[in-house]
Protein backbone atom coordinates (compact mmCIF):
# COMPACT_ATOMS: atom_id res chain seq x y z
CA UNK A 1 73.95 69.29 119.30
CA UNK A 2 71.17 70.42 122.12
CA UNK A 3 72.21 69.98 125.57
CA UNK A 4 69.15 68.02 127.69
CA UNK A 5 68.06 69.40 130.94
CA UNK A 6 67.12 67.60 134.17
CA UNK A 7 63.53 68.75 134.98
CA UNK A 8 62.72 66.31 137.41
CA UNK A 9 62.12 67.80 141.59
CA UNK A 10 64.75 66.06 143.68
CA UNK A 11 64.19 65.66 147.20
CA UNK A 12 64.64 67.83 150.19
CA UNK A 13 67.92 66.79 152.05
CA UNK A 14 70.53 67.49 148.66
CA UNK A 15 73.66 67.25 149.90
CA UNK A 16 76.98 69.64 148.21
CA UNK A 17 80.66 69.02 148.08
CA UNK A 18 82.91 71.50 146.65
CA UNK A 19 86.22 70.75 145.31
CA UNK A 20 88.95 72.96 144.71
CA UNK A 21 92.09 72.32 142.60
CA UNK A 22 95.23 73.93 143.73
CA UNK A 23 98.80 73.30 144.20
CA UNK A 24 100.25 73.39 147.45
CA UNK A 25 103.88 73.45 148.79
CA UNK A 26 105.06 73.09 152.73
CA UNK A 27 108.54 74.18 153.30
CA UNK A 28 110.28 73.17 156.49
CA UNK A 29 110.55 76.37 158.55
CA UNK A 30 106.30 76.08 158.38
CA UNK A 31 105.88 78.31 155.67
CA UNK A 32 103.65 77.34 152.84
CA UNK A 33 102.68 78.00 149.40
CA UNK A 34 99.24 77.41 148.01
CA UNK A 35 97.52 78.56 144.37
CA UNK A 36 94.87 78.01 141.96
CA UNK A 37 94.76 75.64 139.78
CA UNK A 38 93.57 76.04 136.21
CA UNK A 39 90.57 78.33 135.23
CA UNK A 40 88.05 75.53 136.46
CA UNK A 41 89.57 74.86 139.84
CA UNK A 42 85.86 74.85 141.80
CA UNK A 43 84.16 71.79 140.71
CA UNK A 44 80.69 70.96 142.57
CA UNK A 45 79.28 67.73 143.07
CA UNK A 46 75.78 66.88 144.48
CA UNK A 47 73.96 63.83 146.37
CA UNK A 48 71.01 63.81 145.12
CA UNK A 49 67.39 61.46 144.67
CA UNK A 50 63.91 61.24 143.54
CA UNK A 51 61.05 59.58 144.13
CA UNK A 52 57.69 58.42 142.56
CA UNK A 53 55.69 55.70 140.70
CA UNK A 54 58.12 53.21 139.05
CA UNK A 55 56.80 54.68 135.85
CA UNK A 56 57.93 57.78 136.26
CA UNK A 57 61.26 57.07 137.84
CA UNK A 58 62.08 54.84 135.11
CA UNK A 59 62.07 57.81 132.75
CA UNK A 60 64.56 59.08 135.74
CA UNK A 61 66.68 56.29 135.35
CA UNK A 62 66.87 55.98 131.58
CA UNK A 63 68.43 60.04 131.54
CA UNK A 64 70.79 59.12 134.38
CA UNK A 65 72.39 56.31 132.65
CA UNK A 66 72.86 58.39 129.29
CA UNK A 67 73.89 61.45 130.93
CA UNK A 68 77.22 59.33 132.97
CA UNK A 69 79.67 60.76 129.68
CA UNK A 70 77.13 63.39 127.94
CA UNK A 71 76.70 66.66 130.26
CA UNK A 72 73.48 68.12 131.26
CA UNK A 73 71.95 71.74 132.48
CA UNK A 74 70.81 71.48 136.39
CA UNK A 75 69.64 74.38 138.43
CA UNK A 76 71.16 73.40 141.38
CA UNK A 77 69.34 74.60 144.88
CA UNK A 78 71.49 77.75 145.01
CA UNK A 79 69.68 78.55 141.72
CA UNK A 80 72.82 78.13 139.71
CA UNK A 81 72.30 76.83 136.39
CA UNK A 82 75.25 74.54 135.24
CA UNK A 83 76.58 71.67 133.31
CA UNK A 84 76.69 68.34 135.31
CA UNK A 85 77.02 64.53 134.47
CA UNK A 86 76.01 61.96 136.56
CA UNK A 87 79.12 60.15 138.38
CA UNK A 88 79.35 56.97 136.30
CA UNK A 89 79.05 54.76 139.73
CA UNK A 90 76.52 56.63 141.66
CA UNK A 91 73.08 55.43 140.44
CA UNK A 92 70.98 53.51 142.76
CA UNK A 93 67.61 52.62 142.81
CA UNK A 94 65.71 51.01 145.65
CA UNK A 95 62.20 49.89 145.73
CA UNK A 96 60.43 50.28 149.11
CA UNK A 97 57.08 49.29 148.02
CA UNK A 98 55.70 48.09 145.35
CA UNK A 99 54.70 50.14 142.23
CA UNK A 100 57.15 52.52 143.85
CA UNK A 101 60.86 53.97 143.60
CA UNK A 102 63.51 55.78 145.00
CA UNK A 103 66.33 56.68 143.33
CA UNK A 104 69.96 57.91 144.66
CA UNK A 105 72.34 59.67 142.29
CA UNK A 106 75.30 62.04 142.27
CA UNK A 107 75.57 65.45 139.66
CA UNK A 108 79.45 66.41 139.14
CA UNK A 109 80.04 69.83 137.56
CA UNK A 110 81.26 69.52 133.95
CA UNK A 111 82.81 72.25 131.93
CA UNK A 112 81.94 71.36 128.55
CA UNK A 113 79.61 69.12 126.76
């Protein structure tokens, strides 16, 4: 099964959130232990948006809806090609004027199809 690629241009102003997964233990004397949790302990998420003509943005919307549970390739602003999924509650289209749409959404890094 081929993995799809998100190829649409996103608007300037993308925002990245890096989530580290760690184990942490703090003791009463101020000593603290911290260790990475698992092999994929760095997970990134991106807050993004696209805008354009309604007919073009309907294709973006369809792609986003299809990839909440299926991962896809995307090249992030750092130039890194990674697998992502669309955060299930993040697809937010708005219609600022007739025939025009702005869609905000979040990509969360995935580690498998």
